Amino acid sequence: MKITERYLDAVQPLSGTSTLPARLASRRLIAALWEDGRIFSGDKLHYMRILAPHLERAVRLQMQWSAADLRTDILSGVLDSLAHGVVLVDHSGLPVSMNRRAKEIMETSNGLRLSRTGIAGHRPCDTESIRDLINGAMSAGKQGLLAISRVDGLRPLLLIAVPMKPNGGPGGSSQFAQAVVFICDPDRTDNPTVETLQRAFDLTYREAQMAIAIARGHGLQAAADRMGVALTTARSQLQQAFAKTGTSHQAELAALVHRTLTHLRYD
């Protein structure tokens, strides 16, 4: 209210006349602002001039960081939809980011864990092998593969380390990821939904059910029992699935499903 009252004269009409022309009102407003500006001493104005470019750079950096955070959030959302674990590591081998599947494997598997020094195994020799795998990918620029055994009798976890080449080149900032580690758990499967198979290969509901059963390793009789249909009906549905997918036997159909539709999570 004080500011409004202070500058009210700059826009109020003169007595007996219409509203002040915009140019004259602007001049009065500028003059009033200039008078108020005199409360700043010369030293203060000097320091403000020195500080202004730094404030501008700070604002620009904040905008860049906000954009980077947004890109990171988008990337994380995309990686969370993958059926394999994905861990981005920096030049020291420390994780920069990991997707949802990688976190699940770290939390539930006794083959891998996350330590303050990076990805570790349940045995010291496994941890050393993981370090060598990551360092080899970054130094040699080639992907490497490592199998990590598990004490619970499950099949080994498969780790694939792939080097990343940032846009900044070899001299890029160490804050950016330098390599990515893919983690595959052979005992954790993500099967596509019936609706997905229907859209992908124009199958009927029952044909899609049959394809999923075959992809899970069930034989024809077991698939028929699970679906509650006669063996002859199941065989007919399987033949229709063969015809629509361009396959001719069960192993080929199972391979097609796993090759094309099991890389994404359906939960």
Protein backbone atom coordinates (compact mmCIF):
# COMPACT_ATOMS: atom_id res chain seq x y z
CA MET A 1 0.00 0.00 0.00
CA LYS A 2 2.86 2.40 0.74
CA ILE A 3 4.35 1.80 -2.71
CA THR A 4 0.95 2.35 -4.32
CA GLU A 5 0.46 5.62 -2.47
CA ARG A 6 4.01 6.78 -3.29
CA TYR A 7 3.57 6.42 -7.03
CA LEU A 8 -0.11 7.29 -7.21
CA ASP A 9 0.64 10.84 -8.39
CA ALA A 10 2.41 9.48 -11.46
CA VAL A 11 -0.82 8.14 -12.95
CA GLN A 12 -3.55 10.28 -11.36
CA PRO A 13 -5.33 12.69 -13.70
CA LEU A 14 -4.72 16.41 -13.28
CA SER A 15 -7.63 18.40 -11.87
CA GLY A 16 -10.02 19.43 -14.61
CA THR A 17 -8.29 17.31 -17.26
CA SER A 18 -8.43 13.78 -18.54
CA THR A 19 -5.99 11.04 -17.71
CA LEU A 20 -2.33 11.99 -18.16
CA PRO A 21 -0.77 10.95 -21.43
CA ALA A 22 1.12 7.68 -21.09
CA ARG A 23 4.46 9.33 -21.92
CA LEU A 24 4.12 11.95 -19.16
CA ALA A 25 2.94 9.36 -16.64
CA SER A 26 5.92 7.17 -17.52
CA ARG A 27 8.31 10.10 -17.01
CA ARG A 28 6.87 10.84 -13.59
CA LEU A 29 7.07 7.19 -12.62
CA ILE A 30 10.70 6.97 -13.76
CA ALA A 31 11.52 10.14 -11.87
CA ALA A 32 9.90 8.80 -8.71
CA LEU A 33 11.79 5.52 -9.04
CA TRP A 34 15.03 7.42 -9.54
CA GLU A 35 14.44 9.47 -6.42
CA ASP A 36 13.86 6.34 -4.40
CA GLY A 37 16.97 4.86 -5.95
CA ARG A 38 19.07 7.51 -4.22
CA ILE A 39 18.76 5.60 -0.96
CA PHE A 40 21.46 3.30 -2.40
CA SER A 41 24.91 4.69 -1.84
CA GLY A 42 27.53 4.74 -4.54
CA ASP A 43 29.41 1.87 -2.90
CA LYS A 44 26.29 -0.26 -2.81
CA LEU A 45 25.59 0.40 -6.48
CA HIS A 46 29.22 -0.46 -7.26
CA TYR A 47 28.98 -3.79 -5.45
CA MET A 48 25.65 -4.52 -7.10
CA ARG A 49 27.23 -4.02 -10.54
CA ILE A 50 30.04 -6.41 -9.59
CA LEU A 51 27.61 -8.99 -8.20
CA ALA A 52 25.07 -8.87 -11.05
CA PRO A 53 27.07 -10.99 -13.59
CA HIS A 54 27.69 -13.67 -10.93
CA LEU A 55 24.01 -13.76 -10.06
CA GLU A 56 23.18 -14.17 -13.72
CA ARG A 57 25.61 -17.07 -14.06
CA ALA A 58 24.16 -18.65 -10.93
CA VAL A 59 20.66 -18.45 -12.38
CA ARG A 60 21.86 -19.99 -15.66
CA LEU A 61 23.61 -22.82 -13.79
CA GLN A 62 20.48 -23.47 -11.76
CA MET A 63 18.47 -23.71 -14.97
CA GLN A 64 21.01 -26.14 -16.44
CA TRP A 65 20.96 -28.29 -13.30
CA SER A 66 17.18 -28.34 -13.33
CA ALA A 67 17.23 -29.47 -16.97
CA ALA A 68 19.82 -32.15 -16.12
CA ASP A 69 17.68 -33.39 -13.22
CA LEU A 70 14.70 -33.58 -15.54
CA ARG A 71 16.67 -35.61 -18.09
CA THR A 72 17.88 -37.91 -15.30
CA ASP A 73 14.31 -38.48 -14.10
CA ILE A 74 13.19 -39.28 -17.64
CA LEU A 75 16.11 -41.68 -18.15
CA SER A 76 15.41 -43.38 -14.82
CA GLY A 77 11.79 -43.88 -15.78
CA VAL A 78 12.81 -45.51 -19.05
CA LEU A 79 15.41 -47.78 -17.44
CA ASP A 80 12.93 -48.89 -14.77
CA SER A 81 10.83 -50.53 -17.49
CA LEU A 82 13.67 -52.88 -18.50
CA ALA A 83 13.67 -56.52 -17.38
CA HIS A 84 17.44 -56.49 -16.75
CA GLY A 85 19.33 -54.62 -14.07
CA VAL A 86 21.16 -51.50 -15.26
CA VAL A 87 23.87 -49.79 -13.18
CA LEU A 88 25.67 -46.65 -14.39
CA VAL A 89 29.13 -46.27 -12.84
CA ASP A 90 31.61 -43.40 -12.77
CA HIS A 91 35.37 -43.43 -13.43
CA SER A 92 35.98 -44.92 -9.94
CA GLY A 93 33.54 -47.76 -10.50
CA LEU A 94 31.01 -46.29 -8.07
CA PRO A 95 27.33 -46.43 -9.07
CA VAL A 96 25.92 -43.15 -10.32
CA SER A 97 22.42 -44.50 -10.92
CA MET A 98 20.64 -47.85 -11.09
CA ASN A 99 17.22 -48.94 -12.29
CA ARG A 100 14.49 -50.69 -10.32
CA ARG A 101 15.47 -54.23 -11.37
CA ALA A 102 19.10 -53.69 -10.30
CA LYS A 103 17.93 -52.52 -6.86
CA GLU A 104 15.70 -55.59 -6.55
CA ILE A 105 18.60 -57.89 -7.41
CA MET A 106 20.88 -56.15 -4.90
CA GLU A 107 18.25 -56.41 -2.15
CA THR A 108 17.05 -59.98 -2.72
CA SER A 109 20.01 -61.80 -4.26
CA ASN A 110 22.88 -63.16 -2.19
CA GLY A 111 25.14 -62.94 -5.23
CA LEU A 112 25.45 -59.16 -5.42
CA ARG A 113 25.29 -56.29 -2.98
CA LEU A 114 26.02 -52.59 -2.95
CA SER A 115 28.90 -51.48 -0.75
CA ARG A 116 30.49 -48.08 -0.21
CA THR A 117 33.22 -49.11 -2.67
CA GLY A 118 30.75 -50.11 -5.41
CA ILE A 119 29.20 -53.36 -6.61
CA ALA A 120 30.40 -56.31 -4.56
CA GLY A 121 29.90 -60.09 -4.52
CA HIS A 122 29.34 -62.39 -1.57
CA ARG A 123 32.99 -63.53 -1.84
CA PRO A 124 36.09 -61.28 -1.95
CA CYS A 125 37.21 -62.97 -5.17
CA ASP A 126 33.87 -62.12 -6.81
CA THR A 127 34.21 -58.48 -5.74
CA GLU A 128 37.69 -58.34 -7.26
CA SER A 129 36.43 -59.90 -10.49
CA ILE A 130 33.64 -57.29 -10.70
CA ARG A 131 36.17 -54.49 -10.24
CA ASP A 132 38.35 -55.96 -13.00
CA LEU A 133 35.30 -56.29 -15.27
CA ILE A 134 34.34 -52.62 -14.87
CA ASN A 135 37.90 -51.31 -15.07
CA GLY A 136 38.54 -53.41 -18.16
CA ALA A 137 35.49 -51.96 -19.91
CA MET A 138 36.60 -48.39 -19.18
CA SER A 139 40.31 -48.84 -19.93
CA ALA A 140 40.12 -51.17 -22.93
CA GLY A 141 36.87 -49.76 -24.31
CA LYS A 142 35.41 -53.22 -24.86
CA GLN A 143 32.50 -55.01 -23.24
CA GLY A 144 33.18 -57.88 -20.88
CA LEU A 145 31.07 -60.64 -19.33
CA LEU A 146 31.24 -62.21 -15.90
CA ALA A 147 29.24 -64.95 -14.15
CA ILE A 148 28.71 -64.54 -10.41
CA SER A 149 27.78 -67.72 -8.53
CA ARG A 150 25.12 -67.75 -5.79
CA VAL A 151 25.13 -69.80 -2.61
CA ASP A 152 21.43 -70.66 -2.74
CA GLY A 153 21.79 -73.06 -5.66
CA LEU A 154 20.30 -70.68 -8.23
CA ARG A 155 21.95 -70.18 -11.56
CA PRO A 156 24.75 -67.58 -11.65
CA LEU A 157 24.04 -63.91 -12.27
CA LEU A 158 25.45 -62.63 -15.56
CA LEU A 159 27.13 -59.22 -15.59
CA ILE A 160 27.96 -57.40 -18.83
CA ALA A 161 30.06 -54.22 -18.60
CA VAL A 162 29.95 -51.81 -21.54
CA PRO A 163 31.98 -48.58 -21.80
CA MET A 164 30.19 -45.30 -22.33
CA LYS A 165 31.54 -42.44 -24.40
CA PRO A 166 30.23 -39.08 -23.10
CA ASN A 167 29.80 -36.20 -25.50
CA GLY A 168 32.66 -34.47 -23.73
CA GLY A 169 35.11 -37.13 -24.91
CA PRO A 170 38.01 -38.54 -22.85
CA GLY A 171 38.37 -35.30 -20.91
CA GLY A 172 34.77 -35.27 -19.73
CA SER A 173 33.77 -34.65 -16.14
CA SER A 174 34.15 -37.54 -13.71
CA GLN A 175 30.60 -36.88 -12.53
CA PHE A 176 29.23 -38.47 -15.68
CA ALA A 177 28.83 -42.23 -16.06
CA GLN A 178 31.80 -43.90 -17.69
CA ALA A 179 30.40 -47.44 -18.01
CA VAL A 180 27.16 -49.34 -17.68
CA VAL A 181 26.76 -52.76 -16.07
CA PHE A 182 23.84 -54.93 -17.19
CA ILE A 183 22.74 -57.60 -14.71
CA CYS A 184 20.80 -60.64 -15.91
CA ASP A 185 19.13 -63.02 -13.48
CA PRO A 186 18.31 -66.27 -15.38
CA ASP A 187 15.92 -67.36 -12.64
CA ARG A 188 13.89 -64.15 -12.78
CA THR A 189 11.69 -64.10 -15.87
CA ASP A 190 9.34 -61.43 -17.14
CA ASN A 191 6.75 -62.96 -19.44
CA PRO A 192 4.65 -60.78 -21.72
CA THR A 193 0.94 -60.51 -21.08
CA VAL A 194 -1.72 -62.20 -23.16
CA GLU A 195 -2.82 -58.80 -24.48
CA THR A 196 0.73 -58.00 -25.61
CA LEU A 197 1.01 -61.22 -27.60
CA GLN A 198 -2.41 -60.64 -29.12
CA ARG A 199 -1.38 -57.20 -30.41
CA ALA A 200 2.06 -58.32 -31.54
CA PHE A 201 1.06 -61.36 -33.59
CA ASP A 202 -2.71 -60.99 -34.05
CA LEU A 203 -3.40 -64.04 -31.90
CA THR A 204 -6.65 -64.92 -30.24
CA TYR A 205 -6.82 -64.97 -26.45
CA ARG A 206 -6.43 -68.74 -26.29
CA GLU A 207 -3.62 -68.79 -28.87
CA ALA A 208 -1.75 -66.16 -26.86
CA GLN A 209 -2.22 -68.22 -23.70
CA MET A 210 -0.79 -71.23 -25.50
CA ALA A 211 2.23 -69.23 -26.74
CA ILE A 212 2.97 -68.02 -23.20
CA ALA A 213 2.70 -71.54 -21.82
CA ILE A 214 5.12 -72.82 -24.45
CA ALA A 215 7.50 -69.92 -23.79
CA ARG A 216 7.52 -70.85 -20.09
CA GLY A 217 8.70 -74.35 -21.00
CA HIS A 218 5.45 -76.26 -20.61
CA GLY A 219 4.78 -79.13 -22.97
CA LEU A 220 1.59 -79.38 -25.01
CA GLN A 221 -0.16 -81.68 -22.53
CA ALA A 222 0.85 -79.52 -19.54
CA ALA A 223 -0.33 -76.39 -21.39
CA ALA A 224 -3.67 -78.06 -22.17
CA ASP A 225 -4.10 -79.04 -18.52
CA ARG A 226 -3.29 -75.54 -17.31
CA MET A 227 -5.73 -74.01 -19.78
CA GLY A 228 -8.42 -76.58 -19.04
CA VAL A 229 -8.87 -77.72 -22.66
CA ALA A 230 -8.60 -81.02 -24.46
CA LEU A 231 -5.28 -82.02 -25.99
CA THR A 232 -6.74 -81.86 -29.52
CA THR A 233 -7.98 -78.31 -28.89
CA ALA A 234 -4.58 -77.28 -27.52
CA ARG A 235 -2.84 -78.79 -30.55
CA SER A 236 -5.14 -76.83 -32.89
CA GLN A 237 -4.46 -73.59 -31.02
CA LEU A 238 -0.73 -74.25 -31.17
CA GLN A 239 -0.89 -74.82 -34.94
CA GLN A 240 -2.72 -71.50 -35.34
CA ALA A 241 -0.05 -69.78 -33.25
CA PHE A 242 2.64 -71.35 -35.46
CA ALA A 243 0.94 -70.05 -38.60
CA LYS A 244 0.48 -66.50 -37.30
CA THR A 245 4.00 -66.17 -35.87
CA GLY A 246 5.79 -67.81 -38.80
CA THR A 247 7.21 -70.61 -36.64
CA SER A 248 7.00 -74.36 -37.06
CA HIS A 249 7.85 -75.96 -33.71
CA GLN A 250 7.61 -75.20 -30.01
CA ALA A 251 11.25 -74.27 -29.44
CA GLU A 252 11.10 -71.78 -32.29
CA LEU A 253 7.92 -70.21 -30.91
CA ALA A 254 9.42 -69.96 -27.41
CA ALA A 255 12.58 -68.38 -28.82
CA LEU A 256 10.51 -65.82 -30.75
CA VAL A 257 8.59 -64.78 -27.64
CA HIS A 258 11.75 -64.46 -25.54
CA ARG A 259 13.66 -62.66 -28.28
CA THR A 260 11.03 -60.01 -28.92
CA LEU A 261 8.85 -59.47 -25.85
CA THR A 262 10.72 -60.37 -22.66
CA HIS A 263 13.08 -57.39 -22.45
CA LEU A 264 10.47 -55.16 -20.79
CA ARG A 265 8.73 -55.50 -17.45
CA TYR A 266 5.00 -56.03 -17.44
CA ASP A 267 4.36 -55.22 -13.77
